[in-house]
Amino acid sequence: MSLLANDTKNATLHAHAIKGAAANMGGEWLRQTAAAMETAGRAGDAIAMKALLPELQERMVKLQAAIQTALGGQATP
């Protein structure tokens, strides 16, 4: 991942993409965390981005579970 290499530019682009995808799916908590990561990345703050990563991952898992539940527990391809 870009953050492991302290590549805040690419990590910021990934955070921006996640923010947009989360907004499109109604994942407001995930969107907020991704937005915070994007803001930190634009400031060049890799430490803040890394600190937010566990929260981002947790919220992604929760959103995925919510989507699967909404689909009746169907597995995604």
PDB file of N, CA and C in Angstrom:
ATOM      1  N   MET A   1       0.838  -1.179   0.000  1.00  0.00           N
ATOM      2  CA  MET A   1       0.000   0.000   0.000  1.00  0.00           C
ATOM      3  C   MET A   1       0.882   1.241   0.000  1.00  0.00           C
ATOM      4  N   SER A   2       0.365   2.284  -0.547  1.00  0.00           N
ATOM      5  CA  SER A   2       1.105   3.536  -0.666  1.00  0.00           C
ATOM      6  C   SER A   2       1.564   4.074   0.681  1.00  0.00           C
ATOM      7  N   LEU A   3       0.750   3.892   1.710  1.00  0.00           N
ATOM      8  CA  LEU A   3       1.123   4.420   3.023  1.00  0.00           C
ATOM      9  C   LEU A   3       2.348   3.733   3.608  1.00  0.00           C
ATOM     10  N   LEU A   4       2.517   2.463   3.296  1.00  0.00           N
ATOM     11  CA  LEU A   4       3.678   1.751   3.818  1.00  0.00           C
ATOM     12  C   LEU A   4       4.969   2.352   3.282  1.00  0.00           C
ATOM     13  N   ALA A   5       4.897   2.938   2.105  1.00  0.00           N
ATOM     14  CA  ALA A   5       6.064   3.571   1.500  1.00  0.00           C
ATOM     15  C   ALA A   5       6.069   5.090   1.738  1.00  0.00           C
ATOM     16  N   ASN A   6       5.178   5.550   2.619  1.00  0.00           N
ATOM     17  CA  ASN A   6       5.023   6.986   2.897  1.00  0.00           C
ATOM     18  C   ASN A   6       4.721   7.792   1.637  1.00  0.00           C
ATOM     19  N   ASP A   7       4.018   7.180   0.705  1.00  0.00           N
ATOM     20  CA  ASP A   7       3.624   7.829  -0.545  1.00  0.00           C
ATOM     21  C   ASP A   7       2.260   8.484  -0.336  1.00  0.00           C
ATOM     22  N   THR A   8       2.283   9.664   0.267  1.00  0.00           N
ATOM     23  CA  THR A   8       1.014  10.320   0.598  1.00  0.00           C
ATOM     24  C   THR A   8       0.240  10.750  -0.652  1.00  0.00           C
ATOM     25  N   LYS A   9       0.935  11.017  -1.732  1.00  0.00           N
ATOM     26  CA  LYS A   9       0.239  11.445  -2.952  1.00  0.00           C
ATOM     27  C   LYS A   9      -0.692  10.341  -3.450  1.00  0.00           C
ATOM     28  N   ASN A  10      -0.173   9.135  -3.619  1.00  0.00           N
ATOM     29  CA  ASN A  10      -1.015   8.032  -4.088  1.00  0.00           C
ATOM     30  C   ASN A  10      -2.030   7.603  -3.041  1.00  0.00           C
ATOM     31  N   ALA A  11      -1.636   7.623  -1.777  1.00  0.00           N
ATOM     32  CA  ALA A  11      -2.571   7.269  -0.711  1.00  0.00           C
ATOM     33  C   ALA A  11      -3.729   8.254  -0.669  1.00  0.00           C
ATOM     34  N   THR A  12      -3.445   9.520  -0.947  1.00  0.00           N
ATOM     35  CA  THR A  12      -4.493  10.540  -0.984  1.00  0.00           C
ATOM     36  C   THR A  12      -5.460  10.272  -2.135  1.00  0.00           C
ATOM     37  N   LEU A  13      -4.935   9.862  -3.273  1.00  0.00           N
ATOM     38  CA  LEU A  13      -5.794   9.526  -4.413  1.00  0.00           C
ATOM     39  C   LEU A  13      -6.697   8.331  -4.078  1.00  0.00           C
ATOM     40  N   HIS A  14      -6.143   7.340  -3.382  1.00  0.00           N
ATOM     41  CA  HIS A  14      -6.944   6.182  -2.974  1.00  0.00           C
ATOM     42  C   HIS A  14      -8.025   6.599  -1.978  1.00  0.00           C
ATOM     43  N   ALA A  15      -7.664   7.444  -1.026  1.00  0.00           N
ATOM     44  CA  ALA A  15      -8.635   7.916  -0.037  1.00  0.00           C
ATOM     45  C   ALA A  15      -9.760   8.676  -0.724  1.00  0.00           C
ATOM     46  N   HIS A  16      -9.415   9.490  -1.709  1.00  0.00           N
ATOM     47  CA  HIS A  16     -10.424  10.242  -2.462  1.00  0.00           C
ATOM     48  C   HIS A  16     -11.376   9.283  -3.187  1.00  0.00           C
ATOM     49  N   ALA A  17     -10.836   8.248  -3.802  1.00  0.00           N
ATOM     50  CA  ALA A  17     -11.669   7.275  -4.517  1.00  0.00           C
ATOM     51  C   ALA A  17     -12.593   6.531  -3.553  1.00  0.00           C
ATOM     52  N   ILE A  18     -12.071   6.152  -2.401  1.00  0.00           N
ATOM     53  CA  ILE A  18     -12.884   5.464  -1.402  1.00  0.00           C
ATOM     54  C   ILE A  18     -13.985   6.392  -0.900  1.00  0.00           C
ATOM     55  N   LYS A  19     -13.644   7.652  -0.690  1.00  0.00           N
ATOM     56  CA  LYS A  19     -14.624   8.642  -0.232  1.00  0.00           C
ATOM     57  C   LYS A  19     -15.789   8.726  -1.206  1.00  0.00           C
ATOM     58  N   GLY A  20     -15.488   8.806  -2.492  1.00  0.00           N
ATOM     59  CA  GLY A  20     -16.538   8.901  -3.499  1.00  0.00           C
ATOM     60  C   GLY A  20     -17.382   7.640  -3.591  1.00  0.00           C
ATOM     61  N   ALA A  21     -16.728   6.490  -3.545  1.00  0.00           N
ATOM     62  CA  ALA A  21     -17.460   5.224  -3.610  1.00  0.00           C
ATOM     63  C   ALA A  21     -18.363   5.058  -2.399  1.00  0.00           C
ATOM     64  N   ALA A  22     -17.848   5.407  -1.227  1.00  0.00           N
ATOM     65  CA  ALA A  22     -18.650   5.293  -0.004  1.00  0.00           C
ATOM     66  C   ALA A  22     -19.869   6.211  -0.069  1.00  0.00           C
ATOM     67  N   ALA A  23     -19.677   7.410  -0.578  1.00  0.00           N
ATOM     68  CA  ALA A  23     -20.797   8.350  -0.701  1.00  0.00           C
ATOM     69  C   ALA A  23     -21.864   7.802  -1.643  1.00  0.00           C
ATOM     70  N   ASN A  24     -21.430   7.179  -2.730  1.00  0.00           N
ATOM     71  CA  ASN A  24     -22.379   6.615  -3.693  1.00  0.00           C
ATOM     72  C   ASN A  24     -23.170   5.444  -3.118  1.00  0.00           C
ATOM     73  N   MET A  25     -22.594   4.745  -2.123  1.00  0.00           N
ATOM     74  CA  MET A  25     -23.259   3.576  -1.535  1.00  0.00           C
ATOM     75  C   MET A  25     -23.963   3.898  -0.228  1.00  0.00           C
ATOM     76  N   GLY A  26     -23.922   5.141   0.201  1.00  0.00           N
ATOM     77  CA  GLY A  26     -24.567   5.515   1.453  1.00  0.00           C
ATOM     78  C   GLY A  26     -23.753   5.178   2.687  1.00  0.00           C
ATOM     79  N   GLY A  27     -22.470   4.955   2.523  1.00  0.00           N
ATOM     80  CA  GLY A  27     -21.590   4.638   3.651  1.00  0.00           C
ATOM     81  C   GLY A  27     -21.005   5.909   4.252  1.00  0.00           C
ATOM     82  N   GLU A  28     -21.835   6.666   4.947  1.00  0.00           N
ATOM     83  CA  GLU A  28     -21.425   7.979   5.446  1.00  0.00           C
ATOM     84  C   GLU A  28     -20.245   7.908   6.411  1.00  0.00           C
ATOM     85  N   TRP A  29     -20.221   6.935   7.310  1.00  0.00           N
ATOM     86  CA  TRP A  29     -19.102   6.839   8.263  1.00  0.00           C
ATOM     87  C   TRP A  29     -17.791   6.535   7.537  1.00  0.00           C
ATOM     88  N   LEU A  30     -17.856   5.678   6.549  1.00  0.00           N
ATOM     89  CA  LEU A  30     -16.673   5.367   5.756  1.00  0.00           C
ATOM     90  C   LEU A  30     -16.245   6.599   4.965  1.00  0.00           C
ATOM     91  N   ARG A  31     -17.209   7.309   4.404  1.00  0.00           N
ATOM     92  CA  ARG A  31     -16.905   8.517   3.644  1.00  0.00           C
ATOM     93  C   ARG A  31     -16.193   9.540   4.516  1.00  0.00           C
ATOM     94  N   GLN A  32     -16.664   9.701   5.755  1.00  0.00           N
ATOM     95  CA  GLN A  32     -16.051  10.672   6.659  1.00  0.00           C
ATOM     96  C   GLN A  32     -14.602  10.311   6.985  1.00  0.00           C
ATOM     97  N   THR A  33     -14.356   9.033   7.224  1.00  0.00           N
ATOM     98  CA  THR A  33     -12.997   8.602   7.538  1.00  0.00           C
ATOM     99  C   THR A  33     -12.090   8.787   6.324  1.00  0.00           C
ATOM    100  N   ALA A  34     -12.586   8.422   5.148  1.00  0.00           N
ATOM    101  CA  ALA A  34     -11.802   8.602   3.926  1.00  0.00           C
ATOM    102  C   ALA A  34     -11.524  10.086   3.677  1.00  0.00           C
ATOM    103  N   ALA A  35     -12.504  10.928   3.971  1.00  0.00           N
ATOM    104  CA  ALA A  35     -12.306  12.375   3.802  1.00  0.00           C
ATOM    105  C   ALA A  35     -11.226  12.887   4.750  1.00  0.00           C
ATOM    106  N   ALA A  36     -11.222  12.388   5.973  1.00  0.00           N
ATOM    107  CA  ALA A  36     -10.182  12.784   6.935  1.00  0.00           C
ATOM    108  C   ALA A  36      -8.813  12.325   6.452  1.00  0.00           C
ATOM    109  N   MET A  37      -8.762  11.113   5.887  1.00  0.00           N
ATOM    110  CA  MET A  37      -7.492  10.620   5.343  1.00  0.00           C
ATOM    111  C   MET A  37      -7.048  11.471   4.158  1.00  0.00           C
ATOM    112  N   GLU A  38      -7.988  11.837   3.317  1.00  0.00           N
ATOM    113  CA  GLU A  38      -7.655  12.667   2.156  1.00  0.00           C
ATOM    114  C   GLU A  38      -7.105  14.024   2.608  1.00  0.00           C
ATOM    115  N   THR A  39      -7.740  14.616   3.603  1.00  0.00           N
ATOM    116  CA  THR A  39      -7.285  15.906   4.126  1.00  0.00           C
ATOM    117  C   THR A  39      -5.867  15.787   4.691  1.00  0.00           C
ATOM    118  N   ALA A  40      -5.629  14.732   5.454  1.00  0.00           N
ATOM    119  CA  ALA A  40      -4.291  14.504   6.008  1.00  0.00           C
ATOM    120  C   ALA A  40      -3.273  14.309   4.885  1.00  0.00           C
ATOM    121  N   GLY A  41      -3.665  13.577   3.859  1.00  0.00           N
ATOM    122  CA  GLY A  41      -2.765  13.337   2.734  1.00  0.00           C
ATOM    123  C   GLY A  41      -2.426  14.605   1.985  1.00  0.00           C
ATOM    124  N   ARG A  42      -3.412  15.450   1.789  1.00  0.00           N
ATOM    125  CA  ARG A  42      -3.152  16.720   1.088  1.00  0.00           C
ATOM    126  C   ARG A  42      -2.179  17.595   1.879  1.00  0.00           C
ATOM    127  N   ALA A  43      -2.166  17.390   3.214  1.00  0.00           N
ATOM    128  CA  ALA A  43      -1.237  18.123   4.077  1.00  0.00           C
ATOM    129  C   ALA A  43       0.116  17.413   4.163  1.00  0.00           C
ATOM    130  N   GLY A  44       0.220  16.238   3.520  1.00  0.00           N
ATOM    131  CA  GLY A  44       1.467  15.478   3.557  1.00  0.00           C
ATOM    132  C   GLY A  44       1.700  14.769   4.876  1.00  0.00           C
ATOM    133  N   ASP A  45       0.630  14.541   5.636  1.00  0.00           N
ATOM    134  CA  ASP A  45       0.735  13.961   6.969  1.00  0.00           C
ATOM    135  C   ASP A  45       0.516  12.447   6.929  1.00  0.00           C
ATOM    136  N   ALA A  46       1.568  11.715   6.607  1.00  0.00           N
ATOM    137  CA  ALA A  46       1.490  10.255   6.517  1.00  0.00           C
ATOM    138  C   ALA A  46       1.180   9.627   7.875  1.00  0.00           C
ATOM    139  N   ILE A  47       1.634  10.236   8.947  1.00  0.00           N
ATOM    140  CA  ILE A  47       1.379   9.696  10.284  1.00  0.00           C
ATOM    141  C   ILE A  47      -0.114   9.712  10.590  1.00  0.00           C
ATOM    142  N   ALA A  48      -0.785  10.820  10.283  1.00  0.00           N
ATOM    143  CA  ALA A  48      -2.228  10.906  10.518  1.00  0.00           C
ATOM    144  C   ALA A  48      -2.970   9.920   9.625  1.00  0.00           C
ATOM    145  N   MET A  49      -2.508   9.777   8.392  1.00  0.00           N
ATOM    146  CA  MET A  49      -3.155   8.828   7.480  1.00  0.00           C
ATOM    147  C   MET A  49      -3.034   7.408   8.013  1.00  0.00           C
ATOM    148  N   LYS A  50      -1.850   7.057   8.481  1.00  0.00           N
ATOM    149  CA  LYS A  50      -1.636   5.715   9.025  1.00  0.00           C
ATOM    150  C   LYS A  50      -2.489   5.493  10.272  1.00  0.00           C
ATOM    151  N   ALA A  51      -2.656   6.528  11.078  1.00  0.00           N
ATOM    152  CA  ALA A  51      -3.467   6.414  12.295  1.00  0.00           C
ATOM    153  C   ALA A  51      -4.937   6.158  11.961  1.00  0.00           C
ATOM    154  N   LEU A  52      -5.400   6.670  10.833  1.00  0.00           N
ATOM    155  CA  LEU A  52      -6.799   6.493  10.420  1.00  0.00           C
ATOM    156  C   LEU A  52      -7.049   5.177   9.691  1.00  0.00           C
ATOM    157  N   LEU A  53      -5.990   4.522   9.261  1.00  0.00           N
ATOM    158  CA  LEU A  53      -6.145   3.313   8.449  1.00  0.00           C
ATOM    159  C   LEU A  53      -6.948   2.204   9.134  1.00  0.00           C
ATOM    160  N   PRO A  54      -6.713   1.877  10.407  1.00  0.00           N
ATOM    161  CA  PRO A  54      -7.518   0.821  11.034  1.00  0.00           C
ATOM    162  C   PRO A  54      -9.009   1.159  11.062  1.00  0.00           C
ATOM    163  N   GLU A  55      -9.328   2.422  11.310  1.00  0.00           N
ATOM    164  CA  GLU A  55     -10.728   2.856  11.313  1.00  0.00           C
ATOM    165  C   GLU A  55     -11.328   2.712   9.914  1.00  0.00           C
ATOM    166  N   LEU A  56     -10.576   3.103   8.907  1.00  0.00           N
ATOM    167  CA  LEU A  56     -11.047   2.979   7.530  1.00  0.00           C
ATOM    168  C   LEU A  56     -11.332   1.516   7.188  1.00  0.00           C
ATOM    169  N   GLN A  57     -10.404   0.647   7.548  1.00  0.00           N
ATOM    170  CA  GLN A  57     -10.576  -0.780   7.260  1.00  0.00           C
ATOM    171  C   GLN A  57     -11.790  -1.349   7.983  1.00  0.00           C
ATOM    172  N   GLU A  58     -11.971  -0.981   9.237  1.00  0.00           N
ATOM    173  CA  GLU A  58     -13.119  -1.464  10.010  1.00  0.00           C
ATOM    174  C   GLU A  58     -14.431  -1.006   9.391  1.00  0.00           C
ATOM    175  N   ARG A  59     -14.475   0.238   8.981  1.00  0.00           N
ATOM    176  CA  ARG A  59     -15.703   0.774   8.393  1.00  0.00           C
ATOM    177  C   ARG A  59     -15.983   0.168   7.020  1.00  0.00           C
ATOM    178  N   MET A  60     -14.935  -0.187   6.289  1.00  0.00           N
ATOM    179  CA  MET A  60     -15.133  -0.863   5.005  1.00  0.00           C
ATOM    180  C   MET A  60     -15.759  -2.242   5.229  1.00  0.00           C
ATOM    181  N   VAL A  61     -15.272  -2.959   6.228  1.00  0.00           N
ATOM    182  CA  VAL A  61     -15.803  -4.282   6.545  1.00  0.00           C
ATOM    183  C   VAL A  61     -17.268  -4.170   6.961  1.00  0.00           C
ATOM    184  N   LYS A  62     -17.586  -3.166   7.782  1.00  0.00           N
ATOM    185  CA  LYS A  62     -18.971  -2.978   8.234  1.00  0.00           C
ATOM    186  C   LYS A  62     -19.897  -2.623   7.072  1.00  0.00           C
ATOM    187  N   LEU A  63     -19.429  -1.794   6.161  1.00  0.00           N
ATOM    188  CA  LEU A  63     -20.250  -1.434   5.008  1.00  0.00           C
ATOM    189  C   LEU A  63     -20.469  -2.651   4.121  1.00  0.00           C
ATOM    190  N   GLN A  64     -19.436  -3.440   3.919  1.00  0.00           N
ATOM    191  CA  GLN A  64     -19.574  -4.654   3.113  1.00  0.00           C
ATOM    192  C   GLN A  64     -20.596  -5.601   3.750  1.00  0.00           C
ATOM    193  N   ALA A  65     -20.535  -5.756   5.063  1.00  0.00           N
ATOM    194  CA  ALA A  65     -21.485  -6.623   5.762  1.00  0.00           C
ATOM    195  C   ALA A  65     -22.907  -6.091   5.623  1.00  0.00           C
ATOM    196  N   ALA A  66     -23.068  -4.791   5.731  1.00  0.00           N
ATOM    197  CA  ALA A  66     -24.401  -4.185   5.593  1.00  0.00           C
ATOM    198  C   ALA A  66     -24.950  -4.394   4.192  1.00  0.00           C
ATOM    199  N   ILE A  67     -24.104  -4.275   3.200  1.00  0.00           N
ATOM    200  CA  ILE A  67     -24.534  -4.494   1.814  1.00  0.00           C
ATOM    201  C   ILE A  67     -24.941  -5.943   1.619  1.00  0.00           C
ATOM    202  N   GLN A  68     -24.143  -6.865   2.149  1.00  0.00           N
ATOM    203  CA  GLN A  68     -24.477  -8.281   2.015  1.00  0.00           C
ATOM    204  C   GLN A  68     -25.791  -8.602   2.719  1.00  0.00           C
ATOM    205  N   THR A  69     -26.020  -8.009   3.879  1.00  0.00           N
ATOM    206  CA  THR A  69     -27.268  -8.212   4.592  1.00  0.00           C
ATOM    207  C   THR A  69     -28.436  -7.663   3.778  1.00  0.00           C
ATOM    208  N   ALA A  70     -28.253  -6.494   3.194  1.00  0.00           N
ATOM    209  CA  ALA A  70     -29.308  -5.886   2.380  1.00  0.00           C
ATOM    210  C   ALA A  70     -29.623  -6.726   1.148  1.00  0.00           C
ATOM    211  N   LEU A  71     -28.626  -7.457   0.672  1.00  0.00           N
ATOM    212  CA  LEU A  71     -28.829  -8.319  -0.496  1.00  0.00           C
ATOM    213  C   LEU A  71     -29.331  -9.697  -0.090  1.00  0.00           C
ATOM    214  N   GLY A  72     -29.681  -9.858   1.153  1.00  0.00           N
ATOM    215  CA  GLY A  72     -30.197 -11.139   1.613  1.00  0.00           C
ATOM    216  C   GLY A  72     -29.105 -12.154   1.885  1.00  0.00           C
ATOM    217  N   GLY A  73     -27.922 -11.675   2.195  1.00  0.00           N
ATOM    218  CA  GLY A  73     -26.825 -12.574   2.524  1.00  0.00           C
ATOM    219  C   GLY A  73     -26.175 -13.210   1.324  1.00  0.00           C
ATOM    220  N   GLN A  74     -26.516 -12.745   0.129  1.00  0.00           N
ATOM    221  CA  GLN A  74     -25.930 -13.316  -1.079  1.00  0.00           C
ATOM    222  C   GLN A  74     -24.449 -12.973  -1.150  1.00  0.00           C
ATOM    223  N   ALA A  75     -23.668 -13.937  -1.523  1.00  0.00           N
ATOM    224  CA  ALA A  75     -22.229 -13.704  -1.702  1.00  0.00           C
ATOM    225  C   ALA A  75     -22.005 -12.853  -2.939  1.00  0.00           C
ATOM    226  N   THR A  76     -20.987 -12.020  -2.868  1.00  0.00           N
ATOM    227  CA  THR A  76     -20.638 -11.222  -4.044  1.00  0.00           C
ATOM    228  C   THR A  76     -19.716 -12.028  -4.928  1.00  0.00           C
ATOM    229  N   PRO A  77     -19.804 -11.814  -6.236  1.00  0.00           N
ATOM    230  CA  PRO A  77     -18.947 -12.594  -7.156  1.00  0.00           C
ATOM    231  C   PRO A  77     -17.494 -12.237  -7.017  1.00  0.00           C
TER     232      PRO A  77
END
